[in-house]
Amino acid sequence: MLLSFRVANHRSIRQEQQLNLHPVYDDDRPSGTAWEAVPVAGVFGANASGKTNLVDALQYMARMVVSSHRDAEPDGGVPRHRFLLDDVAKSEPSWYIADLLLDDVRYTYGFAVDDDRVTEEWLDSYPKGKKRELFSREEDNLKPGASQETRQLELVESITEPNVLFLSLAARSRQRDFRPVYDWFAQQLRFRRSSGLAALWGYGATRALKDADRHPEILQLLRAADLGIEACGTERVQVDEEVLRRDYGKNSSALNRVLFSLETGGTGERVRPWVGHRGRDGIVQMDLQDESAGTKALLEQVPRFLDVLREGGTFVVDEIDASLHSLLTARLIGLFQNPETNRHGAQLIFTTHDPSLLGRRDGDDILKRDQIWFVEKNEYGESSLYSLADFKPRKDENRERRYLGGSYGGIPFIDESFTEALLRRGGGTDQNAETQRQPQAEETSPGH
């Protein structure tokens, strides 16, 4: 479980910003839970405010932890993404710090990098609430914690390049104290991939419909989305060239064929996903390819949300409203808020432009007061992150209306002069339109 994430000098994030997921309001906690972090966090803001850069920073940290030892070239420096609008930022390191709760033990892990190397790195644990240093590093100097086997860590240190994280190698060398943190970044922290290839292949949608019998919540979500779907599933059908041309076209890529062969298992059959719509004569099965783009996007996304709920972990979704309707998004958020459907304390962190998620559904807040964050960019291109809780909001206030009214910030400033300039250039203002009409009126008026 992610307790907090801090970052500085990453893309538009110049100064240190913190996403703090500790609960603020006890009466907003889901009943029957003792979660140390909120299960959901929504980040709101205008276009280009820096929401995606916050997600990118956490993904960069995960990528460094998991694969810096594979990706780094000797003397190749560190491929960081520093703030570019300030020359001073070039000489300053970029920082990434995560506070985690894993198996009831808190960990703090962080590192700093510049263009050439890892300048600092450390890992602390807090068993029974007391700090226990596991290691600290300043450039080439590694200091093992008092509880660590110095000889083993010195061996790992000897093969750690300056541009490689020590944790990446130590966790792979059977250092048990380091594995929980490494495994969280490698296995429990997930990001929603771009839907482009997934939509092309249809793999996620096929998988969702194949799982529909074992996981009835998939069909429940489809019905809740008001798509007119009453049933769903898959069946095995024989493969021939006509079916192949119909499904993939004459210019099917090698990737489509690979996926297709995996689905058929080399048996001459393929899995045909279908959805059932109610007609006058009962349920009619329709091919997935005949469904709308929105239905396909829904089926691509739903399995990923449900996987996290079943297995636990933290799911980070950039622009959750890009492919899902707000009512369905609210329903998915509700699954993470409910301890009956979120039995492993899974977390959902997302960015969005959708202000309706600040409102209510069925009489309950979609997002609690300590689950709402805003990102705003100043005149120097620097993003700042802040919580709704900073405003000390009342529990019953209309947060959607106050947000749209500008009370919390984080909304775009629309310069009306831009619209007026376009109208003038296109001759679209009332005055210009009247001027343009007048000569023609004189030419066609009777008596002239």
Protein backbone atom coordinates (compact mmCIF):
# COMPACT_ATOMS: atom_id res chain seq x y z
CA MET A 1 0.00 0.00 0.00
CA LEU A 2 1.34 3.41 -0.98
CA LEU A 3 1.29 5.86 1.92
CA SER A 4 2.88 8.81 0.15
CA PHE A 5 4.97 9.76 -2.87
CA ARG A 6 7.31 12.74 -3.12
CA VAL A 7 9.07 14.06 -6.20
CA ALA A 8 11.12 17.10 -7.20
CA ASN A 9 12.74 18.31 -10.43
CA HIS A 10 10.81 16.02 -12.76
CA ARG A 11 9.32 17.54 -15.91
CA SER A 12 7.00 20.39 -14.79
CA ILE A 13 7.44 19.50 -11.09
CA ARG A 14 10.20 21.89 -10.02
CA GLN A 15 9.93 22.01 -6.23
CA GLU A 16 9.15 18.98 -4.08
CA GLN A 17 5.51 17.92 -4.25
CA GLN A 18 3.87 15.24 -2.12
CA LEU A 19 0.88 13.01 -2.74
CA ASN A 20 0.00 12.13 0.84
CA LEU A 21 -2.47 9.26 1.04
CA HIS A 22 -2.84 9.06 4.82
CA PRO A 23 -6.49 9.45 5.88
CA VAL A 24 -7.43 12.89 7.20
CA TYR A 25 -11.05 12.47 8.27
CA ASP A 26 -11.96 9.47 10.39
CA ASP A 27 -15.66 9.84 9.63
CA ASP A 28 -14.91 9.55 5.90
CA ARG A 29 -13.27 6.15 6.23
CA PRO A 30 -15.20 3.20 4.82
CA SER A 31 -16.93 1.49 7.74
CA GLY A 32 -15.27 -1.67 8.98
CA THR A 33 -11.81 -0.75 7.68
CA ALA A 34 -8.55 0.20 9.32
CA TRP A 35 -6.66 1.02 6.15
CA GLU A 36 -3.57 3.13 6.78
CA ALA A 37 -3.99 4.87 3.41
CA VAL A 38 -7.01 5.98 1.42
CA PRO A 39 -8.10 3.38 -1.15
CA VAL A 40 -8.73 5.99 -3.87
CA ALA A 41 -7.11 9.26 -4.89
CA GLY A 42 -8.31 11.42 -7.76
CA VAL A 43 -6.10 14.17 -9.18
CA PHE A 44 -7.90 17.01 -10.98
CA GLY A 45 -6.52 19.83 -13.05
CA ALA A 46 -6.53 21.66 -16.34
CA ASN A 47 -4.83 20.41 -19.49
CA ALA A 48 -1.03 20.67 -19.29
CA SER A 49 -1.17 21.42 -15.55
CA GLY A 50 1.13 18.51 -14.69
CA LYS A 51 -1.23 15.66 -13.76
CA THR A 52 0.38 13.26 -16.21
CA ASN A 53 3.84 14.33 -15.02
CA LEU A 54 2.95 13.16 -11.52
CA VAL A 55 2.04 9.74 -12.91
CA ASP A 56 5.15 9.77 -15.07
CA ALA A 57 7.35 10.46 -12.04
CA LEU A 58 6.00 7.45 -10.15
CA GLN A 59 6.36 5.28 -13.25
CA TYR A 60 9.93 6.52 -13.71
CA MET A 61 10.74 5.56 -10.13
CA ALA A 62 9.31 2.07 -10.65
CA ARG A 63 11.21 1.63 -13.91
CA MET A 64 14.49 2.63 -12.26
CA VAL A 65 13.95 0.21 -9.37
CA VAL A 66 13.05 -2.73 -11.57
CA SER A 67 15.39 -2.32 -14.51
CA SER A 68 18.15 0.25 -13.92
CA HIS A 69 20.69 -2.58 -13.77
CA ARG A 70 19.57 -3.78 -17.20
CA ASP A 71 19.04 -0.45 -18.93
CA ALA A 72 22.08 1.51 -17.77
CA GLU A 73 25.12 1.61 -20.03
CA PRO A 74 28.58 1.87 -18.39
CA ASP A 75 29.41 5.58 -18.10
CA GLY A 76 26.15 6.26 -19.92
CA GLY A 77 24.66 8.59 -17.33
CA VAL A 78 21.07 8.56 -16.12
CA PRO A 79 18.18 9.25 -18.53
CA ARG A 80 16.19 11.55 -16.25
CA HIS A 81 13.47 14.08 -17.12
CA ARG A 82 14.40 17.22 -15.22
CA PHE A 83 12.59 20.56 -15.18
CA LEU A 84 13.64 22.42 -18.34
CA LEU A 85 12.47 25.98 -17.71
CA ASP A 86 15.12 26.77 -15.09
CA ASP A 87 18.87 26.56 -15.79
CA VAL A 88 19.55 25.92 -12.10
CA ALA A 89 17.55 22.69 -12.28
CA LYS A 90 20.18 21.19 -14.57
CA SER A 91 22.74 21.21 -11.76
CA GLU A 92 20.30 19.93 -9.14
CA PRO A 93 19.31 16.28 -8.69
CA SER A 94 15.84 14.84 -9.25
CA TRP A 95 14.31 13.24 -6.13
CA TYR A 96 11.87 10.34 -5.78
CA ILE A 97 10.66 9.07 -2.39
CA ALA A 98 7.96 6.47 -1.60
CA ASP A 99 6.50 5.54 1.78
CA LEU A 100 5.00 2.06 1.74
CA LEU A 101 3.12 -0.25 4.08
CA LEU A 102 3.92 -3.88 3.24
CA ASP A 103 2.78 -6.75 5.45
CA ASP A 104 2.14 -4.30 8.32
CA VAL A 105 5.70 -2.91 8.12
CA ARG A 106 6.34 0.63 6.94
CA TYR A 107 9.22 1.30 4.54
CA THR A 108 10.70 4.52 3.20
CA TYR A 109 12.74 4.26 0.03
CA GLY A 110 14.17 7.08 -2.01
CA PHE A 111 16.88 8.10 -4.39
CA ALA A 112 18.26 11.13 -6.18
CA VAL A 113 19.83 11.23 -9.63
CA ASP A 114 21.52 13.82 -11.79
CA ASP A 115 22.51 13.51 -15.43
CA ASP A 116 25.49 11.32 -14.62
CA ARG A 117 24.78 9.13 -11.63
CA VAL A 118 22.80 8.18 -8.56
CA THR A 119 23.79 10.82 -6.01
CA GLU A 120 21.85 9.42 -3.03
CA GLU A 121 19.81 6.33 -2.17
CA TRP A 122 18.43 4.91 1.05
CA LEU A 123 16.02 2.37 2.49
CA ASP A 124 14.57 2.36 6.00
CA SER A 125 12.01 0.09 7.62
CA TYR A 126 9.90 0.65 10.73
CA PRO A 127 9.09 -2.68 12.37
CA LYS A 128 6.95 -2.00 15.45
CA GLY A 129 7.18 1.70 14.63
CA LYS A 130 10.89 2.03 15.29
CA LYS A 131 13.25 3.16 12.53
CA ARG A 132 15.66 0.56 11.22
CA GLU A 133 18.16 1.70 8.61
CA LEU A 134 18.74 -0.96 5.96
CA PHE A 135 21.25 0.98 3.89
CA SER A 136 22.20 4.47 2.80
CA ARG A 137 24.33 5.59 -0.12
CA GLU A 138 25.99 8.81 -1.10
CA GLU A 139 27.49 8.46 -4.58
CA ASP A 140 30.11 5.68 -4.24
CA ASN A 141 29.90 5.38 -0.48
CA LEU A 142 27.51 2.71 0.81
CA LYS A 143 26.66 2.38 4.48
CA PRO A 144 24.92 -0.90 5.43
CA GLY A 145 22.44 -0.82 8.27
CA ALA A 146 23.40 -2.29 11.61
CA SER A 147 21.18 -5.33 10.99
CA GLN A 148 22.71 -6.16 7.61
CA GLU A 149 25.43 -8.59 6.65
CA THR A 150 28.20 -6.19 5.65
CA ARG A 151 30.16 -8.69 3.62
CA GLN A 152 27.26 -9.56 1.32
CA LEU A 153 26.33 -5.93 0.74
CA GLU A 154 29.93 -5.03 -0.06
CA LEU A 155 29.89 -7.67 -2.76
CA VAL A 156 26.73 -6.18 -4.27
CA GLU A 157 28.21 -2.70 -3.97
CA SER A 158 31.30 -3.77 -5.92
CA ILE A 159 29.19 -4.56 -9.00
CA THR A 160 26.84 -1.58 -8.73
CA GLU A 161 27.59 0.99 -11.43
CA PRO A 162 27.27 4.70 -10.52
CA ASN A 163 24.15 5.02 -12.69
CA VAL A 164 22.44 1.92 -11.26
CA LEU A 165 20.26 1.73 -8.15
CA PHE A 166 21.73 -0.40 -5.39
CA LEU A 167 18.26 -1.74 -4.52
CA SER A 168 17.89 -3.19 -8.03
CA LEU A 169 20.89 -5.47 -7.52
CA ALA A 170 20.59 -6.09 -3.78
CA ALA A 171 17.03 -7.42 -4.09
CA ARG A 172 18.17 -9.83 -6.79
CA SER A 173 21.05 -11.11 -4.68
CA ARG A 174 18.72 -12.68 -2.10
CA GLN A 175 18.80 -9.81 0.37
CA ARG A 176 15.51 -10.66 2.06
CA ASP A 177 15.08 -7.33 3.81
CA PHE A 178 15.06 -5.54 0.45
CA ARG A 179 12.71 -7.81 -1.45
CA PRO A 180 9.36 -6.46 -0.13
CA VAL A 181 10.06 -2.99 -1.54
CA TYR A 182 11.48 -4.28 -4.81
CA ASP A 183 8.56 -6.68 -5.26
CA TRP A 184 6.04 -3.91 -4.66
CA PHE A 185 7.49 -1.84 -7.49
CA ALA A 186 7.86 -4.89 -9.74
CA GLN A 187 4.55 -6.66 -9.10
CA GLN A 188 2.05 -4.64 -7.07
CA LEU A 189 2.40 -1.20 -8.64
CA ARG A 190 0.58 -1.21 -11.98
CA PHE A 191 -0.08 1.39 -14.60
CA ARG A 192 -2.75 1.40 -17.25
CA ARG A 193 -1.11 0.90 -20.59
CA SER A 194 -2.04 2.81 -23.70
CA SER A 195 -5.20 1.30 -25.12
CA GLY A 196 -3.98 1.56 -28.71
CA LEU A 197 -2.48 -1.91 -29.18
CA ALA A 198 -4.92 -3.53 -26.78
CA ALA A 199 -7.85 -2.18 -28.79
CA LEU A 200 -6.20 -3.37 -32.01
CA TRP A 201 -5.75 -6.87 -30.75
CA GLY A 202 -8.93 -7.16 -28.69
CA TYR A 203 -7.05 -9.29 -26.18
CA GLY A 204 -8.36 -7.58 -23.06
CA ALA A 205 -11.94 -7.67 -24.28
CA THR A 206 -11.70 -11.35 -25.20
CA ARG A 207 -10.23 -12.12 -21.81
CA ALA A 208 -12.98 -10.21 -20.02
CA LEU A 209 -15.70 -12.14 -21.79
CA LYS A 210 -13.93 -15.46 -21.24
CA ASP A 211 -13.89 -14.70 -17.49
CA ALA A 212 -17.51 -13.59 -17.35
CA ASP A 213 -18.79 -16.97 -16.12
CA ARG A 214 -16.31 -17.08 -13.23
CA HIS A 215 -16.57 -13.39 -12.40
CA PRO A 216 -20.20 -12.21 -12.54
CA GLU A 217 -19.17 -8.65 -11.64
CA ILE A 218 -18.06 -8.21 -15.26
CA LEU A 219 -21.60 -8.63 -16.52
CA GLN A 220 -22.89 -6.49 -13.66
CA LEU A 221 -20.62 -3.65 -14.77
CA LEU A 222 -21.71 -4.04 -18.38
CA ARG A 223 -25.34 -3.81 -17.33
CA ALA A 224 -24.61 -0.84 -15.07
CA ALA A 225 -23.04 0.98 -18.01
CA ASP A 226 -26.44 1.00 -19.74
CA LEU A 227 -25.06 -0.40 -23.00
CA GLY A 228 -28.06 -2.61 -23.62
CA ILE A 229 -25.99 -5.73 -22.91
CA GLU A 230 -27.84 -8.53 -21.14
CA ALA A 231 -25.37 -11.42 -21.55
CA CYS A 232 -21.81 -12.08 -22.67
CA GLY A 233 -19.37 -14.91 -23.17
CA THR A 234 -17.16 -16.74 -25.66
CA GLU A 235 -17.39 -19.76 -27.88
CA ARG A 236 -14.93 -21.74 -29.96
CA VAL A 237 -15.38 -21.64 -33.72
CA GLN A 238 -13.50 -23.15 -36.63
CA VAL A 239 -10.97 -20.92 -38.36
CA ASP A 240 -10.88 -20.44 -42.13
CA GLU A 241 -9.49 -17.80 -44.46
CA GLU A 242 -12.83 -16.08 -44.85
CA VAL A 243 -13.17 -15.59 -41.09
CA LEU A 244 -9.59 -14.37 -40.91
CA ARG A 245 -10.14 -11.79 -43.66
CA ARG A 246 -13.38 -10.64 -42.07
CA ASP A 247 -11.89 -10.15 -38.61
CA TYR A 248 -8.48 -8.71 -39.44
CA GLY A 249 -8.62 -7.50 -43.03
CA LYS A 250 -6.11 -7.96 -45.83
CA ASN A 251 -3.39 -5.94 -44.08
CA SER A 252 -3.32 -7.75 -40.74
CA SER A 253 -0.02 -7.29 -38.90
CA ALA A 254 2.30 -9.97 -37.65
CA LEU A 255 1.26 -9.10 -34.09
CA ASN A 256 -2.36 -9.86 -34.89
CA ARG A 257 -1.37 -13.23 -36.28
CA VAL A 258 0.75 -14.06 -33.23
CA LEU A 259 -2.10 -13.24 -30.90
CA PHE A 260 -4.51 -15.10 -33.11
CA SER A 261 -2.33 -18.23 -33.02
CA LEU A 262 -2.13 -18.00 -29.24
CA GLU A 263 -5.92 -17.79 -29.02
CA THR A 264 -6.40 -20.79 -31.29
CA GLY A 265 -3.70 -22.87 -29.63
CA GLY A 266 -2.85 -24.34 -33.03
CA THR A 267 -6.05 -26.38 -33.09
CA GLY A 268 -7.73 -24.74 -36.07
CA GLU A 269 -10.23 -23.06 -33.74
CA ARG A 270 -10.39 -19.61 -32.26
CA VAL A 271 -12.16 -18.00 -29.34
CA ARG A 272 -15.06 -15.84 -30.52
CA PRO A 273 -16.14 -13.26 -27.94
CA TRP A 274 -19.77 -12.20 -28.08
CA VAL A 275 -22.19 -9.94 -26.26
CA GLY A 276 -25.93 -10.45 -26.06
CA HIS A 277 -28.46 -7.69 -26.69
CA ARG A 278 -32.13 -8.06 -26.01
CA GLY A 279 -34.29 -7.97 -29.12
CA ARG A 280 -38.01 -8.51 -29.61
CA ASP A 281 -37.41 -12.24 -29.94
CA GLY A 282 -34.98 -12.59 -27.00
CA ILE A 283 -31.20 -12.33 -26.58
CA VAL A 284 -29.24 -11.90 -29.80
CA GLN A 285 -25.52 -12.75 -29.80
CA MET A 286 -23.37 -10.18 -31.61
CA ASP A 287 -19.68 -10.26 -32.49
CA LEU A 288 -17.48 -7.96 -30.44
CA GLN A 289 -16.31 -6.26 -33.62
CA ASP A 290 -19.88 -5.05 -34.18
CA GLU A 291 -19.93 -3.21 -30.86
CA SER A 292 -19.22 0.49 -30.40
CA ALA A 293 -15.75 1.80 -29.66
CA GLY A 294 -16.95 2.72 -26.16
CA THR A 295 -18.07 -0.84 -25.41
CA LYS A 296 -14.76 -2.22 -26.66
CA ALA A 297 -12.83 0.28 -24.55
CA LEU A 298 -14.87 -0.70 -21.51
CA LEU A 299 -14.15 -4.38 -22.02
CA GLU A 300 -10.45 -3.64 -22.48
CA GLN A 301 -10.23 -1.72 -19.21
CA VAL A 302 -12.47 -3.60 -16.78
CA PRO A 303 -10.24 -6.70 -16.34
CA ARG A 304 -7.36 -4.55 -15.14
CA PHE A 305 -9.43 -2.92 -12.44
CA LEU A 306 -10.84 -6.25 -11.30
CA ASP A 307 -7.38 -7.88 -11.25
CA VAL A 308 -6.14 -5.30 -8.76
CA LEU A 309 -9.21 -5.74 -6.57
CA ARG A 310 -8.75 -9.52 -6.50
CA GLU A 311 -4.98 -9.52 -5.91
CA GLY A 312 -4.27 -6.23 -4.13
CA GLY A 313 -1.75 -3.58 -5.12
CA THR A 314 -1.86 -0.03 -6.43
CA PHE A 315 -3.33 0.77 -9.85
CA VAL A 316 -2.41 4.13 -11.39
CA VAL A 317 -4.57 5.33 -14.28
CA ASP A 318 -3.84 8.49 -16.25
CA GLU A 319 -6.96 10.20 -17.62
CA ILE A 320 -9.45 7.66 -16.37
CA ASP A 321 -12.23 9.52 -18.18
CA ALA A 322 -10.57 9.12 -21.59
CA SER A 323 -12.25 5.78 -22.30
CA LEU A 324 -14.84 5.27 -19.56
CA HIS A 325 -18.15 7.03 -18.97
CA SER A 326 -18.32 8.98 -15.70
CA LEU A 327 -21.12 6.78 -14.33
CA LEU A 328 -19.07 3.66 -14.91
CA THR A 329 -15.97 5.33 -13.47
CA ALA A 330 -17.99 6.14 -10.36
CA ARG A 331 -19.06 2.51 -10.12
CA LEU A 332 -15.43 1.30 -10.37
CA ILE A 333 -14.34 3.80 -7.72
CA GLY A 334 -17.09 2.47 -5.48
CA LEU A 335 -15.64 -1.04 -5.76
CA PHE A 336 -12.36 0.22 -4.27
CA GLN A 337 -14.18 2.13 -1.52
CA ASN A 338 -16.15 -0.92 -0.39
CA PRO A 339 -14.29 -3.40 1.88
CA GLU A 340 -16.56 -6.20 0.67
CA THR A 341 -15.29 -5.84 -2.90
CA ASN A 342 -11.83 -4.58 -1.91
CA ARG A 343 -10.75 -7.24 0.56
CA HIS A 344 -7.01 -6.79 0.01
CA GLY A 345 -6.81 -3.03 0.49
CA ALA A 346 -6.14 -2.30 -3.19
CA GLN A 347 -5.65 1.32 -4.24
CA LEU A 348 -6.77 3.28 -7.27
CA ILE A 349 -4.92 6.50 -8.13
CA PHE A 350 -6.11 8.37 -11.19
CA THR A 351 -6.01 11.70 -13.00
CA THR A 352 -9.11 13.16 -14.59
CA HIS A 353 -10.81 16.18 -16.14
CA ASP A 354 -14.27 15.02 -15.08
CA PRO A 355 -15.74 17.33 -12.40
CA SER A 356 -18.78 15.07 -11.96
CA LEU A 357 -16.55 12.72 -9.96
CA LEU A 358 -16.50 15.42 -7.28
CA GLY A 359 -20.23 14.94 -6.82
CA ARG A 360 -22.44 12.21 -5.42
CA ARG A 361 -23.95 8.98 -6.62
CA ASP A 362 -26.91 7.32 -4.93
CA GLY A 363 -26.60 9.83 -2.10
CA ASP A 364 -22.93 9.11 -1.28
CA ASP A 365 -19.80 11.04 -2.19
CA ILE A 366 -17.97 9.39 -5.07
CA LEU A 367 -14.69 10.66 -3.59
CA LYS A 368 -14.13 11.52 0.04
CA ARG A 369 -12.64 14.83 1.12
CA ASP A 370 -9.15 13.40 1.67
CA GLN A 371 -9.20 11.59 -1.68
CA ILE A 372 -9.31 14.70 -3.86
CA TRP A 373 -6.18 16.44 -5.16
CA PHE A 374 -5.54 19.30 -7.54
CA VAL A 375 -2.63 20.22 -9.79
CA GLU A 376 -2.04 23.77 -10.92
CA LYS A 377 0.75 25.35 -12.97
CA ASN A 378 2.04 28.87 -12.30
CA GLU A 379 3.27 31.47 -14.78
CA TYR A 380 6.77 29.96 -14.71
CA GLY A 381 5.59 26.52 -15.80
CA GLU A 382 5.95 24.97 -12.34
CA SER A 383 3.31 22.48 -11.19
CA SER A 384 2.05 22.38 -7.62
CA LEU A 385 0.02 19.59 -6.03
CA TYR A 386 -2.39 20.23 -3.17
CA SER A 387 -5.25 18.49 -1.42
CA LEU A 388 -8.88 19.47 -1.03
CA ALA A 389 -8.32 18.85 2.69
CA ASP A 390 -6.14 21.98 2.74
CA PHE A 391 -9.36 23.99 2.31
CA LYS A 392 -10.96 22.31 5.34
CA PRO A 393 -14.16 21.61 3.41
CA ARG A 394 -17.46 20.84 5.06
CA LYS A 395 -18.67 17.31 4.55
CA ASP A 396 -21.91 18.43 2.91
CA GLU A 397 -20.63 21.19 0.60
CA ASN A 398 -21.18 20.96 -3.16
CA ARG A 399 -17.61 20.28 -4.22
CA GLU A 400 -18.38 19.95 -7.91
CA ARG A 401 -19.99 23.40 -8.05
CA ARG A 402 -17.26 25.01 -5.96
CA TYR A 403 -14.56 23.49 -8.16
CA LEU A 404 -16.19 24.72 -11.36
CA GLY A 405 -16.59 28.11 -9.72
CA GLY A 406 -12.86 28.32 -9.10
CA SER A 407 -12.93 28.00 -5.31
CA TYR A 408 -10.24 25.30 -5.28
CA GLY A 409 -8.19 26.34 -8.31
CA GLY A 410 -6.98 23.69 -10.71
CA ILE A 411 -9.28 24.77 -13.56
CA PRO A 412 -8.25 26.24 -16.93
CA PHE A 413 -8.24 30.00 -17.46
CA ILE A 414 -10.04 30.73 -20.73
CA ASP A 415 -8.85 33.98 -22.28
CA GLU A 416 -11.90 35.46 -24.03
CA SER A 417 -9.65 37.63 -26.22
CA PHE A 418 -8.60 34.44 -28.04
CA THR A 419 -12.19 33.71 -29.06
CA GLU A 420 -12.78 37.32 -30.03
CA ALA A 421 -9.64 37.33 -32.18
CA LEU A 422 -10.81 34.23 -34.03
CA LEU A 423 -14.21 35.77 -34.65
CA ARG A 424 -12.62 38.96 -35.97
CA ARG A 425 -10.31 37.08 -38.30
CA GLY A 426 -13.21 35.01 -39.60
CA GLY A 427 -15.55 37.96 -39.90
CA GLY A 428 -17.78 36.33 -37.32
CA THR A 429 -18.59 39.17 -34.91
CA ASP A 430 -22.01 40.76 -35.10
CA GLN A 431 -20.47 44.06 -36.13
CA ASN A 432 -18.38 42.58 -38.94
CA ALA A 433 -21.27 40.44 -40.11
CA GLU A 434 -23.55 43.49 -40.30
CA THR A 435 -20.88 45.46 -42.19
CA GLN A 436 -20.49 42.62 -44.69
CA ARG A 437 -24.24 42.35 -45.24
CA GLN A 438 -24.83 46.07 -45.76
CA PRO A 439 -23.25 46.58 -49.23
CA GLN A 440 -25.13 43.65 -50.67
CA ALA A 441 -28.35 44.98 -49.19
CA GLU A 442 -27.79 48.31 -50.93
CA GLU A 443 -27.11 46.63 -54.26
CA THR A 444 -30.30 44.60 -54.17
CA SER A 445 -32.65 47.14 -52.56
CA PRO A 446 -35.54 48.32 -54.71
CA GLY A 447 -35.02 51.75 -56.17
CA HIS A 448 -31.23 51.62 -56.52
